[in-house]
Amino acid sequence: MSNTTTTTAPNTITSANQNEIISRVLVAIDGSDSSMNAADNAISI
């Protein structure tokens, strides 16, 4: 059984199991504005 996680809006994540707690988030950073925004969003989670 696999859980599917999709991003539906900024800072909103839906999961097949709503009781899961996110313990780690991996974000690739290449120095672009988009990747820095992704890192900022990941930190705020």
PDB file of N, CA and C in Angstrom:
ATOM      1  N   MET A   1       0.852  -1.177   0.000  1.00  0.00           N
ATOM      2  CA  MET A   1       0.000   0.000   0.000  1.00  0.00           C
ATOM      3  C   MET A   1       0.890   1.229   0.000  1.00  0.00           C
ATOM      4  N   SER A   2       0.668   2.132  -0.905  1.00  0.00           N
ATOM      5  CA  SER A   2       1.483   3.340  -0.968  1.00  0.00           C
ATOM      6  C   SER A   2       0.616   4.561  -0.733  1.00  0.00           C
ATOM      7  N   ASN A   3       1.185   5.526  -0.039  1.00  0.00           N
ATOM      8  CA  ASN A   3       0.497   6.791   0.189  1.00  0.00           C
ATOM      9  C   ASN A   3       0.933   7.776  -0.880  1.00  0.00           C
ATOM     10  N   THR A   4       0.005   8.528  -1.411  1.00  0.00           N
ATOM     11  CA  THR A   4       0.297   9.532  -2.420  1.00  0.00           C
ATOM     12  C   THR A   4       0.162  10.899  -1.787  1.00  0.00           C
ATOM     13  N   THR A   5       1.209  11.716  -1.907  1.00  0.00           N
ATOM     14  CA  THR A   5       1.183  13.070  -1.383  1.00  0.00           C
ATOM     15  C   THR A   5       1.288  14.039  -2.544  1.00  0.00           C
ATOM     16  N   THR A   6       0.382  15.009  -2.586  1.00  0.00           N
ATOM     17  CA  THR A   6       0.400  16.003  -3.651  1.00  0.00           C
ATOM     18  C   THR A   6       0.299  17.398  -3.056  1.00  0.00           C
ATOM     19  N   THR A   7       0.933  18.344  -3.704  1.00  0.00           N
ATOM     20  CA  THR A   7       0.828  19.730  -3.280  1.00  0.00           C
ATOM     21  C   THR A   7      -0.328  20.365  -4.032  1.00  0.00           C
ATOM     22  N   THR A   8      -1.285  20.912  -3.275  1.00  0.00           N
ATOM     23  CA  THR A   8      -2.469  21.483  -3.908  1.00  0.00           C
ATOM     24  C   THR A   8      -2.441  23.000  -3.928  1.00  0.00           C
ATOM     25  N   ALA A   9      -1.714  23.610  -3.030  1.00  0.00           N
ATOM     26  CA  ALA A   9      -1.589  25.062  -2.958  1.00  0.00           C
ATOM     27  C   ALA A   9      -0.377  25.353  -2.082  1.00  0.00           C
ATOM     28  N   PRO A  10       0.161  26.560  -2.144  1.00  0.00           N
ATOM     29  CA  PRO A  10       1.303  26.873  -1.291  1.00  0.00           C
ATOM     30  C   PRO A  10       0.999  26.567   0.171  1.00  0.00           C
ATOM     31  N   ASN A  11       1.907  25.835   0.815  1.00  0.00           N
ATOM     32  CA  ASN A  11       1.820  25.475   2.232  1.00  0.00           C
ATOM     33  C   ASN A  11       0.642  24.560   2.560  1.00  0.00           C
ATOM     34  N   THR A  12       0.021  23.926   1.558  1.00  0.00           N
ATOM     35  CA  THR A  12      -1.071  22.996   1.797  1.00  0.00           C
ATOM     36  C   THR A  12      -0.702  21.656   1.191  1.00  0.00           C
ATOM     37  N   ILE A  13      -0.596  20.640   2.027  1.00  0.00           N
ATOM     38  CA  ILE A  13      -0.242  19.310   1.548  1.00  0.00           C
ATOM     39  C   ILE A  13      -1.345  18.349   1.951  1.00  0.00           C
ATOM     40  N   THR A  14      -1.828  17.558   0.992  1.00  0.00           N
ATOM     41  CA  THR A  14      -2.814  16.544   1.306  1.00  0.00           C
ATOM     42  C   THR A  14      -2.152  15.186   1.190  1.00  0.00           C
ATOM     43  N   SER A  15      -2.557  14.275   2.034  1.00  0.00           N
ATOM     44  CA  SER A  15      -1.970  12.945   2.051  1.00  0.00           C
ATOM     45  C   SER A  15      -3.081  11.916   2.129  1.00  0.00           C
ATOM     46  N   ALA A  16      -2.785  10.708   1.676  1.00  0.00           N
ATOM     47  CA  ALA A  16      -3.759   9.635   1.765  1.00  0.00           C
ATOM     48  C   ALA A  16      -4.065   9.310   3.218  1.00  0.00           C
ATOM     49  N   ASN A  17      -3.137   9.596   4.113  1.00  0.00           N
ATOM     50  CA  ASN A  17      -3.337   9.361   5.541  1.00  0.00           C
ATOM     51  C   ASN A  17      -3.134  10.681   6.269  1.00  0.00           C
ATOM     52  N   GLN A  18      -4.223  11.346   6.651  1.00  0.00           N
ATOM     53  CA  GLN A  18      -4.150  12.672   7.265  1.00  0.00           C
ATOM     54  C   GLN A  18      -3.532  12.646   8.657  1.00  0.00           C
ATOM     55  N   ASN A  19      -3.365  11.467   9.267  1.00  0.00           N
ATOM     56  CA  ASN A  19      -2.799  11.375  10.609  1.00  0.00           C
ATOM     57  C   ASN A  19      -1.289  11.302  10.613  1.00  0.00           C
ATOM     58  N   GLU A  20      -0.656  11.292   9.448  1.00  0.00           N
ATOM     59  CA  GLU A  20       0.794  11.231   9.377  1.00  0.00           C
ATOM     60  C   GLU A  20       1.408  12.548   9.821  1.00  0.00           C
ATOM     61  N   ILE A  21       2.560  12.451  10.442  1.00  0.00           N
ATOM     62  CA  ILE A  21       3.312  13.635  10.840  1.00  0.00           C
ATOM     63  C   ILE A  21       4.554  13.700   9.960  1.00  0.00           C
ATOM     64  N   ILE A  22       4.768  14.851   9.350  1.00  0.00           N
ATOM     65  CA  ILE A  22       5.949  15.032   8.511  1.00  0.00           C
ATOM     66  C   ILE A  22       7.141  15.239   9.434  1.00  0.00           C
ATOM     67  N   SER A  23       8.130  14.357   9.336  1.00  0.00           N
ATOM     68  CA  SER A  23       9.295  14.487  10.200  1.00  0.00           C
ATOM     69  C   SER A  23      10.490  15.078   9.453  1.00  0.00           C
ATOM     70  N   ARG A  24      10.516  14.909   8.127  1.00  0.00           N
ATOM     71  CA  ARG A  24      11.618  15.450   7.339  1.00  0.00           C
ATOM     72  C   ARG A  24      11.107  15.880   5.972  1.00  0.00           C
ATOM     73  N   VAL A  25      11.674  16.947   5.453  1.00  0.00           N
ATOM     74  CA  VAL A  25      11.347  17.421   4.116  1.00  0.00           C
ATOM     75  C   VAL A  25      12.663  17.656   3.385  1.00  0.00           C
ATOM     76  N   LEU A  26      12.806  17.066   2.210  1.00  0.00           N
ATOM     77  CA  LEU A  26      14.012  17.225   1.408  1.00  0.00           C
ATOM     78  C   LEU A  26      13.707  18.168   0.254  1.00  0.00           C
ATOM     79  N   VAL A  27      14.487  19.241   0.130  1.00  0.00           N
ATOM     80  CA  VAL A  27      14.301  20.227  -0.928  1.00  0.00           C
ATOM     81  C   VAL A  27      15.637  20.431  -1.637  1.00  0.00           C
ATOM     82  N   ALA A  28      15.614  20.280  -2.951  1.00  0.00           N
ATOM     83  CA  ALA A  28      16.821  20.534  -3.742  1.00  0.00           C
ATOM     84  C   ALA A  28      16.948  22.037  -3.956  1.00  0.00           C
ATOM     85  N   ILE A  29      18.141  22.562  -3.724  1.00  0.00           N
ATOM     86  CA  ILE A  29      18.377  24.003  -3.868  1.00  0.00           C
ATOM     87  C   ILE A  29      19.462  24.216  -4.912  1.00  0.00           C
ATOM     88  N   ASP A  30      19.154  25.016  -5.931  1.00  0.00           N
ATOM     89  CA  ASP A  30      20.136  25.316  -6.969  1.00  0.00           C
ATOM     90  C   ASP A  30      20.456  26.807  -7.041  1.00  0.00           C
ATOM     91  N   GLY A  31      19.930  27.571  -6.083  1.00  0.00           N
ATOM     92  CA  GLY A  31      20.219  28.997  -6.043  1.00  0.00           C
ATOM     93  C   GLY A  31      19.171  29.856  -6.732  1.00  0.00           C
ATOM     94  N   SER A  32      18.229  29.225  -7.448  1.00  0.00           N
ATOM     95  CA  SER A  32      17.188  30.003  -8.132  1.00  0.00           C
ATOM     96  C   SER A  32      16.162  30.507  -7.121  1.00  0.00           C
ATOM     97  N   ASP A  33      15.407  31.523  -7.525  1.00  0.00           N
ATOM     98  CA  ASP A  33      14.362  32.062  -6.655  1.00  0.00           C
ATOM     99  C   ASP A  33      13.330  30.999  -6.293  1.00  0.00           C
ATOM    100  N   SER A  34      12.963  30.170  -7.265  1.00  0.00           N
ATOM    101  CA  SER A  34      11.975  29.123  -7.011  1.00  0.00           C
ATOM    102  C   SER A  34      12.460  28.123  -5.973  1.00  0.00           C
ATOM    103  N   SER A  35      13.715  27.722  -6.078  1.00  0.00           N
ATOM    104  CA  SER A  35      14.234  26.751  -5.112  1.00  0.00           C
ATOM    105  C   SER A  35      14.384  27.379  -3.730  1.00  0.00           C
ATOM    106  N   MET A  36      14.721  28.641  -3.664  1.00  0.00           N
ATOM    107  CA  MET A  36      14.817  29.313  -2.368  1.00  0.00           C
ATOM    108  C   MET A  36      13.435  29.462  -1.733  1.00  0.00           C
ATOM    109  N   ASN A  37      12.410  29.749  -2.552  1.00  0.00           N
ATOM    110  CA  ASN A  37      11.040  29.805  -2.041  1.00  0.00           C
ATOM    111  C   ASN A  37      10.606  28.439  -1.526  1.00  0.00           C
ATOM    112  N   ALA A  38      10.964  27.387  -2.244  1.00  0.00           N
ATOM    113  CA  ALA A  38      10.635  26.026  -1.808  1.00  0.00           C
ATOM    114  C   ALA A  38      11.303  25.722  -0.466  1.00  0.00           C
ATOM    115  N   ALA A  39      12.547  26.139  -0.308  1.00  0.00           N
ATOM    116  CA  ALA A  39      13.258  25.920   0.960  1.00  0.00           C
ATOM    117  C   ALA A  39      12.582  26.695   2.085  1.00  0.00           C
ATOM    118  N   ASP A  40      12.204  27.925   1.841  1.00  0.00           N
ATOM    119  CA  ASP A  40      11.510  28.730   2.853  1.00  0.00           C
ATOM    120  C   ASP A  40      10.203  28.074   3.260  1.00  0.00           C
ATOM    121  N   ASN A  41       9.452  27.564   2.271  1.00  0.00           N
ATOM    122  CA  ASN A  41       8.188  26.895   2.564  1.00  0.00           C
ATOM    123  C   ASN A  41       8.414  25.625   3.353  1.00  0.00           C
ATOM    124  N   ALA A  42       9.440  24.876   3.014  1.00  0.00           N
ATOM    125  CA  ALA A  42       9.749  23.638   3.738  1.00  0.00           C
ATOM    126  C   ALA A  42      10.138  23.933   5.183  1.00  0.00           C
ATOM    127  N   ILE A  43      10.881  24.995   5.400  1.00  0.00           N
ATOM    128  CA  ILE A  43      11.290  25.368   6.755  1.00  0.00           C
ATOM    129  C   ILE A  43      10.075  25.752   7.585  1.00  0.00           C
ATOM    130  N   SER A  44       9.100  26.411   6.952  1.00  0.00           N
ATOM    131  CA  SER A  44       7.923  26.862   7.704  1.00  0.00           C
ATOM    132  C   SER A  44       7.001  25.713   8.082  1.00  0.00           C
ATOM    133  N   ILE A  45       7.149  24.564   7.428  1.00  0.00           N
ATOM    134  CA  ILE A  45       6.344  23.390   7.797  1.00  0.00           C
ATOM    135  C   ILE A  45       6.883  22.916   9.107  1.00  0.00           C
TER     136      ILE A  45
END
